[in-house]
Structure formats: C-alpha cells, structure tokens
Amino acid sequence: MDLRIQQVRAKQLLKGDMSDTDLEQYVQERVWLTTLEKAANWGRANSLFPLGFGLACCAIEMISVIGSPRNDVARFGAEAVRGSPRQADMIMISGRVSIKMAPVIRRIYDQMLEPKWVISMGACASSAGMFNNYAVVQGVDKFLPVDVYVPGCPPRPEALMHGINKLQKKILERPDLGWRARYRAEGTEEVA
C-alpha cells in the first residue's frame, strides 16, 4: 500500500498537480540542507589519509589494524596509508621516539598539508613508557600537538580503531580547533 501511495505522489509531482503544502512536505522529506563547512568536515572525517610512522613494537599493532581483514580501518575511510607526508593528513606515531628522531618527525609533520592531525599510539609515544632516560623523548607532545592518545603497551588493534573514531568525531564536532589556533602558533611553519 505504501508503494502505491508513493507512485501516486510521484505522478502528481511530475504532472504539477500537488498542492503547495504537499510539495513543500515532499521536498523537506527528501532534501538535506547543510553548510559547506559541515560537508567538508564530513568528507575530511570519513577519508583520512594516514602516514604510519612506526618506531618500535607498537608499529606491529598499527600494521595489523591497517592491513588485516579482521581489524580493517577501511570501514572508517582510513585505509589509504601514504608514504609521503604531502599526501597525508594524519600521522600515527607509534613507539619510542629518540632525541635524534624528534627533529625528523617534526620536519615530516611540517611537510603535511593543513588540516592535519596526530595520533600518539602506545605508552612510549605518549609518555616514553618504561624508557625513562636521556635518549628518549618523554612523549611526542613535547614537539608535536597531539590530537588523540591511544594508551597501551602495546595497544590493542581495537584501541587504535577507537582512537581513529575519536579523531573522526573531533573533526566533525570541533574542526575549528586546529593546532595553530589552539596554541596561537600562526607563522611557525618551517621555511625552507
């Protein structure tokens, strides 16, 4: 019966026989209105291009999320892992970061195009974990603005997927909180 009603309404619409109120109701049921910013943020949140930067054992968990069929991030639009920072908008840092590696990661981060996001994966990347010594940076937030922390040593693949989901939610809800505005760091881009 419902299909028959839809057919009759469609015929009336094509003939131009619908009243103004029925036509307005028909349009409101089928047309979505949004802003350009919301549509762009929806696209950004559902098509993340990660740059995997694995430095230690957490990298194996990151690879298992990206490549395995059981924990596939393709469901969330983040399966296209990039090898070049110019093609990525999210960097996942997993593992301990040595003092010598920090400037390299910072340069790679600066080469990424705006808007860009950072996921710190594992205890070592978030707080140096058990490596409390002079050679390891005590968390990547010392030299990069981190958007999402994924805890664990090593974190489970499900934890990384949850972190990606939290980042997507953050992009959809509060996209205006870019790190340059958040830290009042306009003009800090690296100049070659």
C-alpha atoms as a PDB file:
ATOM      1  CA  MET A   1       0.000   0.000   0.000  1.00  0.00           C
ATOM      2  CA  ASP A   2       2.849   2.375   0.840  1.00  0.00           C
ATOM      3  CA  LEU A   3       4.426   1.841  -2.585  1.00  0.00           C
ATOM      4  CA  ARG A   4       1.141   2.704  -4.275  1.00  0.00           C
ATOM      5  CA  ILE A   5       0.917   5.983  -2.333  1.00  0.00           C
ATOM      6  CA  GLN A   6       4.477   6.861  -3.364  1.00  0.00           C
ATOM      7  CA  GLN A   7       3.670   6.154  -7.010  1.00  0.00           C
ATOM      8  CA  VAL A   8       0.590   8.369  -6.910  1.00  0.00           C
ATOM      9  CA  ARG A   9       2.548  11.206  -5.260  1.00  0.00           C
ATOM     10  CA  ALA A  10       5.315  10.885  -7.854  1.00  0.00           C
ATOM     11  CA  LYS A  11       2.780  11.112 -10.697  1.00  0.00           C
ATOM     12  CA  GLN A  12       1.181  14.170  -9.101  1.00  0.00           C
ATOM     13  CA  LEU A  13       4.633  15.739  -8.729  1.00  0.00           C
ATOM     14  CA  LEU A  14       5.516  15.131 -12.364  1.00  0.00           C
ATOM     15  CA  LYS A  15       2.185  16.493 -13.587  1.00  0.00           C
ATOM     16  CA  GLY A  16       2.361  19.525 -11.287  1.00  0.00           C
ATOM     17  CA  ASP A  17      -0.893  18.607  -9.536  1.00  0.00           C
ATOM     18  CA  MET A  18       0.453  18.721  -5.947  1.00  0.00           C
ATOM     19  CA  SER A  19      -0.672  21.468  -3.620  1.00  0.00           C
ATOM     20  CA  ASP A  20       1.953  23.826  -2.208  1.00  0.00           C
ATOM     21  CA  THR A  21       1.886  22.293   1.266  1.00  0.00           C
ATOM     22  CA  ASP A  22       2.201  18.733  -0.107  1.00  0.00           C
ATOM     23  CA  LEU A  23       5.062  19.808  -2.377  1.00  0.00           C
ATOM     24  CA  GLU A  24       6.859  21.526   0.498  1.00  0.00           C
ATOM     25  CA  GLN A  25       6.457  18.442   2.692  1.00  0.00           C
ATOM     26  CA  TYR A  26       7.703  16.220  -0.161  1.00  0.00           C
ATOM     27  CA  VAL A  27      10.818  18.353  -0.606  1.00  0.00           C
ATOM     28  CA  GLN A  28      11.545  18.547   3.134  1.00  0.00           C
ATOM     29  CA  GLU A  29      11.427  14.757   3.386  1.00  0.00           C
ATOM     30  CA  ARG A  30      13.945  14.275   0.597  1.00  0.00           C
ATOM     31  CA  VAL A  31      16.345  17.225   0.617  1.00  0.00           C
ATOM     32  CA  TRP A  32      19.100  17.662   3.165  1.00  0.00           C
ATOM     33  CA  LEU A  33      20.427  21.123   3.797  1.00  0.00           C
ATOM     34  CA  THR A  34      23.819  21.781   5.329  1.00  0.00           C
ATOM     35  CA  THR A  35      26.653  24.245   5.203  1.00  0.00           C
ATOM     36  CA  LEU A  36      29.731  23.910   3.048  1.00  0.00           C
ATOM     37  CA  GLU A  37      31.895  23.702   6.162  1.00  0.00           C
ATOM     38  CA  LYS A  38      29.902  20.781   7.590  1.00  0.00           C
ATOM     39  CA  ALA A  39      30.029  18.934   4.272  1.00  0.00           C
ATOM     40  CA  ALA A  40      33.791  19.492   4.005  1.00  0.00           C
ATOM     41  CA  ASN A  41      34.339  18.296   7.582  1.00  0.00           C
ATOM     42  CA  TRP A  42      32.236  15.211   6.901  1.00  0.00           C
ATOM     43  CA  GLY A  43      34.477  14.478   3.920  1.00  0.00           C
ATOM     44  CA  ARG A  44      37.639  15.075   5.958  1.00  0.00           C
ATOM     45  CA  ALA A  45      36.488  12.862   8.808  1.00  0.00           C
ATOM     46  CA  ASN A  46      35.494   9.974   6.549  1.00  0.00           C
ATOM     47  CA  SER A  47      38.522   9.997   4.261  1.00  0.00           C
ATOM     48  CA  LEU A  48      41.586  10.210   6.476  1.00  0.00           C
ATOM     49  CA  PHE A  49      44.907   9.522   4.779  1.00  0.00           C
ATOM     50  CA  PRO A  50      47.237   8.257   7.498  1.00  0.00           C
ATOM     51  CA  LEU A  51      51.003   8.393   7.458  1.00  0.00           C
ATOM     52  CA  GLY A  52      52.179   5.488   9.560  1.00  0.00           C
ATOM     53  CA  PHE A  53      55.362   6.206  11.482  1.00  0.00           C
ATOM     54  CA  GLY A  54      56.235   3.061  13.396  1.00  0.00           C
ATOM     55  CA  LEU A  55      59.325   3.181  15.583  1.00  0.00           C
ATOM     56  CA  ALA A  56      59.032   0.098  17.787  1.00  0.00           C
ATOM     57  CA  CYS A  57      56.766  -2.777  18.772  1.00  0.00           C
ATOM     58  CA  CYS A  58      53.595  -0.675  18.557  1.00  0.00           C
ATOM     59  CA  ALA A  59      54.137  -0.491  14.816  1.00  0.00           C
ATOM     60  CA  ILE A  60      53.174  -4.159  14.509  1.00  0.00           C
ATOM     61  CA  GLU A  61      49.801  -3.397  16.089  1.00  0.00           C
ATOM     62  CA  MET A  62      49.386  -0.419  13.779  1.00  0.00           C
ATOM     63  CA  ILE A  63      50.129  -2.611  10.766  1.00  0.00           C
ATOM     64  CA  SER A  64      47.637  -5.216  11.964  1.00  0.00           C
ATOM     65  CA  VAL A  65      44.917  -2.565  12.082  1.00  0.00           C
ATOM     66  CA  ILE A  66      45.708  -1.169   8.674  1.00  0.00           C
ATOM     67  CA  GLY A  67      46.346  -4.380   6.777  1.00  0.00           C
ATOM     68  CA  SER A  68      44.461  -7.243   8.352  1.00  0.00           C
ATOM     69  CA  PRO A  69      40.930  -8.165   7.370  1.00  0.00           C
ATOM     70  CA  ARG A  70      39.837  -8.611  10.978  1.00  0.00           C
ATOM     71  CA  ASN A  71      40.685  -5.083  12.084  1.00  0.00           C
ATOM     72  CA  ASP A  72      40.284  -3.233   8.833  1.00  0.00           C
ATOM     73  CA  VAL A  73      40.200   0.564   9.027  1.00  0.00           C
ATOM     74  CA  ALA A  74      38.702   0.723   5.539  1.00  0.00           C
ATOM     75  CA  ARG A  75      35.337   0.741   7.298  1.00  0.00           C
ATOM     76  CA  PHE A  76      36.249   4.175   8.626  1.00  0.00           C
ATOM     77  CA  GLY A  77      37.774   5.575   5.442  1.00  0.00           C
ATOM     78  CA  ALA A  78      41.413   5.448   6.589  1.00  0.00           C
ATOM     79  CA  GLU A  79      42.828   2.555   4.585  1.00  0.00           C
ATOM     80  CA  ALA A  80      44.958   4.531   2.134  1.00  0.00           C
ATOM     81  CA  VAL A  81      48.218   4.692   4.092  1.00  0.00           C
ATOM     82  CA  ARG A  82      50.556   7.184   2.500  1.00  0.00           C
ATOM     83  CA  GLY A  83      54.316   7.025   2.338  1.00  0.00           C
ATOM     84  CA  SER A  84      54.667  10.703   1.581  1.00  0.00           C
ATOM     85  CA  PRO A  85      53.782  13.469   4.047  1.00  0.00           C
ATOM     86  CA  ARG A  86      52.498  15.633   1.188  1.00  0.00           C
ATOM     87  CA  GLN A  87      49.672  13.153   0.592  1.00  0.00           C
ATOM     88  CA  ALA A  88      48.736  12.501   4.234  1.00  0.00           C
ATOM     89  CA  ASP A  89      46.604  14.444   6.679  1.00  0.00           C
ATOM     90  CA  MET A  90      47.042  12.267   9.783  1.00  0.00           C
ATOM     91  CA  ILE A  91      50.245  10.895  11.269  1.00  0.00           C
ATOM     92  CA  MET A  92      50.183   7.923  13.620  1.00  0.00           C
ATOM     93  CA  ILE A  93      53.323   7.837  15.741  1.00  0.00           C
ATOM     94  CA  SER A  94      53.837   4.505  17.432  1.00  0.00           C
ATOM     95  CA  GLY A  95      56.784   3.539  19.580  1.00  0.00           C
ATOM     96  CA  ARG A  96      59.541   5.306  21.455  1.00  0.00           C
ATOM     97  CA  VAL A  97      60.955   8.462  19.910  1.00  0.00           C
ATOM     98  CA  SER A  98      64.640   9.117  20.401  1.00  0.00           C
ATOM     99  CA  ILE A  99      66.032  12.628  20.737  1.00  0.00           C
ATOM    100  CA  LYS A 100      67.697  12.240  17.332  1.00  0.00           C
ATOM    101  CA  MET A 101      64.438  11.177  15.660  1.00  0.00           C
ATOM    102  CA  ALA A 102      62.309  14.045  17.020  1.00  0.00           C
ATOM    103  CA  PRO A 103      63.501  16.699  14.502  1.00  0.00           C
ATOM    104  CA  VAL A 104      62.924  14.250  11.646  1.00  0.00           C
ATOM    105  CA  ILE A 105      59.341  13.601  12.765  1.00  0.00           C
ATOM    106  CA  ARG A 106      58.773  17.328  13.213  1.00  0.00           C
ATOM    107  CA  ARG A 107      60.007  18.031   9.684  1.00  0.00           C
ATOM    108  CA  ILE A 108      57.741  15.305   8.274  1.00  0.00           C
ATOM    109  CA  TYR A 109      54.835  16.790  10.230  1.00  0.00           C
ATOM    110  CA  ASP A 110      55.572  20.271   8.903  1.00  0.00           C
ATOM    111  CA  GLN A 111      55.551  18.919   5.341  1.00  0.00           C
ATOM    112  CA  MET A 112      51.995  17.640   5.749  1.00  0.00           C
ATOM    113  CA  LEU A 113      49.252  19.827   4.317  1.00  0.00           C
ATOM    114  CA  GLU A 114      46.674  21.557   6.508  1.00  0.00           C
ATOM    115  CA  PRO A 115      44.425  20.448   8.137  1.00  0.00           C
ATOM    116  CA  LYS A 116      46.475  17.732   9.802  1.00  0.00           C
ATOM    117  CA  TRP A 117      46.102  15.573  12.864  1.00  0.00           C
ATOM    118  CA  VAL A 118      48.327  13.462  15.132  1.00  0.00           C
ATOM    119  CA  ILE A 119      47.604  10.181  16.903  1.00  0.00           C
ATOM    120  CA  SER A 120      50.088   9.136  19.566  1.00  0.00           C
ATOM    121  CA  MET A 121      49.923   5.368  19.831  1.00  0.00           C
ATOM    122  CA  GLY A 122      51.278   3.440  22.800  1.00  0.00           C
ATOM    123  CA  ALA A 123      52.817   4.248  26.157  1.00  0.00           C
ATOM    124  CA  CYS A 124      56.237   5.021  24.683  1.00  0.00           C
ATOM    125  CA  ALA A 125      54.969   7.601  22.202  1.00  0.00           C
ATOM    126  CA  SER A 126      52.658   9.162  24.777  1.00  0.00           C
ATOM    127  CA  SER A 127      54.967   9.325  27.801  1.00  0.00           C
ATOM    128  CA  ALA A 128      58.184   7.371  26.974  1.00  0.00           C
ATOM    129  CA  GLY A 129      56.781   4.341  28.814  1.00  0.00           C
ATOM    130  CA  MET A 130      59.452   2.326  30.547  1.00  0.00           C
ATOM    131  CA  PHE A 131      62.229   4.212  28.761  1.00  0.00           C
ATOM    132  CA  ASN A 132      62.772   6.987  31.256  1.00  0.00           C
ATOM    133  CA  ASN A 133      66.270   8.039  30.176  1.00  0.00           C
ATOM    134  CA  TYR A 134      68.161  10.802  28.429  1.00  0.00           C
ATOM    135  CA  ALA A 135      67.939   9.312  24.913  1.00  0.00           C
ATOM    136  CA  VAL A 136      64.139   9.089  24.612  1.00  0.00           C
ATOM    137  CA  VAL A 137      61.701  11.991  24.322  1.00  0.00           C
ATOM    138  CA  GLN A 138      59.216  11.845  27.187  1.00  0.00           C
ATOM    139  CA  GLY A 139      56.176  11.992  24.909  1.00  0.00           C
ATOM    140  CA  VAL A 140      55.629  13.279  21.395  1.00  0.00           C
ATOM    141  CA  ASP A 141      53.570  16.152  22.764  1.00  0.00           C
ATOM    142  CA  LYS A 142      56.902  17.796  23.619  1.00  0.00           C
ATOM    143  CA  PHE A 143      57.426  18.612  19.925  1.00  0.00           C
ATOM    144  CA  LEU A 144      54.059  17.918  18.202  1.00  0.00           C
ATOM    145  CA  PRO A 145      50.469  18.849  19.045  1.00  0.00           C
ATOM    146  CA  VAL A 146      48.727  15.520  19.687  1.00  0.00           C
ATOM    147  CA  ASP A 147      45.016  15.212  18.961  1.00  0.00           C
ATOM    148  CA  VAL A 148      44.339  11.665  20.215  1.00  0.00           C
ATOM    149  CA  TYR A 149      46.285   9.449  22.618  1.00  0.00           C
ATOM    150  CA  VAL A 150      45.905   5.674  22.300  1.00  0.00           C
ATOM    151  CA  PRO A 151      47.055   4.018  25.568  1.00  0.00           C
ATOM    152  CA  GLY A 152      48.592   0.600  25.998  1.00  0.00           C
ATOM    153  CA  CYS A 153      51.867  -1.253  25.777  1.00  0.00           C
ATOM    154  CA  PRO A 154      51.319  -2.225  23.021  1.00  0.00           C
ATOM    155  CA  PRO A 155      47.776  -1.046  22.446  1.00  0.00           C
ATOM    156  CA  ARG A 156      45.288  -3.499  21.051  1.00  0.00           C
ATOM    157  CA  PRO A 157      44.172  -3.001  17.439  1.00  0.00           C
ATOM    158  CA  GLU A 158      40.700  -2.192  18.739  1.00  0.00           C
ATOM    159  CA  ALA A 159      42.196   0.666  20.774  1.00  0.00           C
ATOM    160  CA  LEU A 160      43.703   2.225  17.659  1.00  0.00           C
ATOM    161  CA  MET A 161      40.415   1.881  15.807  1.00  0.00           C
ATOM    162  CA  HIS A 162      38.710   3.588  18.754  1.00  0.00           C
ATOM    163  CA  GLY A 163      41.314   6.363  18.570  1.00  0.00           C
ATOM    164  CA  ILE A 164      40.609   6.843  14.862  1.00  0.00           C
ATOM    165  CA  ASN A 165      36.878   7.025  15.638  1.00  0.00           C
ATOM    166  CA  LYS A 166      37.531   9.633  18.351  1.00  0.00           C
ATOM    167  CA  LEU A 167      39.560  11.671  15.865  1.00  0.00           C
ATOM    168  CA  GLN A 168      36.736  11.482  13.326  1.00  0.00           C
ATOM    169  CA  LYS A 169      34.281  12.677  15.961  1.00  0.00           C
ATOM    170  CA  LYS A 170      36.625  15.531  16.859  1.00  0.00           C
ATOM    171  CA  ILE A 171      36.897  16.571  13.206  1.00  0.00           C
ATOM    172  CA  LEU A 172      33.107  16.531  12.810  1.00  0.00           C
ATOM    173  CA  GLU A 173      32.281  18.378  16.029  1.00  0.00           C
ATOM    174  CA  ARG A 174      35.044  20.925  16.570  1.00  0.00           C
ATOM    175  CA  PRO A 175      37.058  21.330  13.370  1.00  0.00           C
ATOM    176  CA  ASP A 176      37.922  24.924  14.188  1.00  0.00           C
ATOM    177  CA  LEU A 177      40.310  23.805  16.914  1.00  0.00           C
ATOM    178  CA  GLY A 178      43.285  23.441  14.628  1.00  0.00           C
ATOM    179  CA  TRP A 179      46.565  23.231  16.478  1.00  0.00           C
ATOM    180  CA  ARG A 180      47.882  26.558  15.190  1.00  0.00           C
ATOM    181  CA  ALA A 181      44.840  28.391  16.527  1.00  0.00           C
ATOM    182  CA  ARG A 182      44.760  26.278  19.692  1.00  0.00           C
ATOM    183  CA  TYR A 183      48.388  27.111  20.585  1.00  0.00           C
ATOM    184  CA  ARG A 184      48.396  30.588  18.992  1.00  0.00           C
ATOM    185  CA  ALA A 185      51.193  29.419  16.705  1.00  0.00           C
ATOM    186  CA  GLU A 186      50.453  31.159  13.430  1.00  0.00           C
ATOM    187  CA  GLY A 187      53.647  31.771  11.490  1.00  0.00           C
ATOM    188  CA  THR A 188      55.540  28.800  12.972  1.00  0.00           C
ATOM    189  CA  GLU A 189      55.666  26.936   9.688  1.00  0.00           C
ATOM    190  CA  GLU A 190      59.081  25.709   8.673  1.00  0.00           C
ATOM    191  CA  VAL A 191      60.538  27.774   5.846  1.00  0.00           C
ATOM    192  CA  ALA A 192      62.986  26.012   3.547  1.00  0.00           C
END
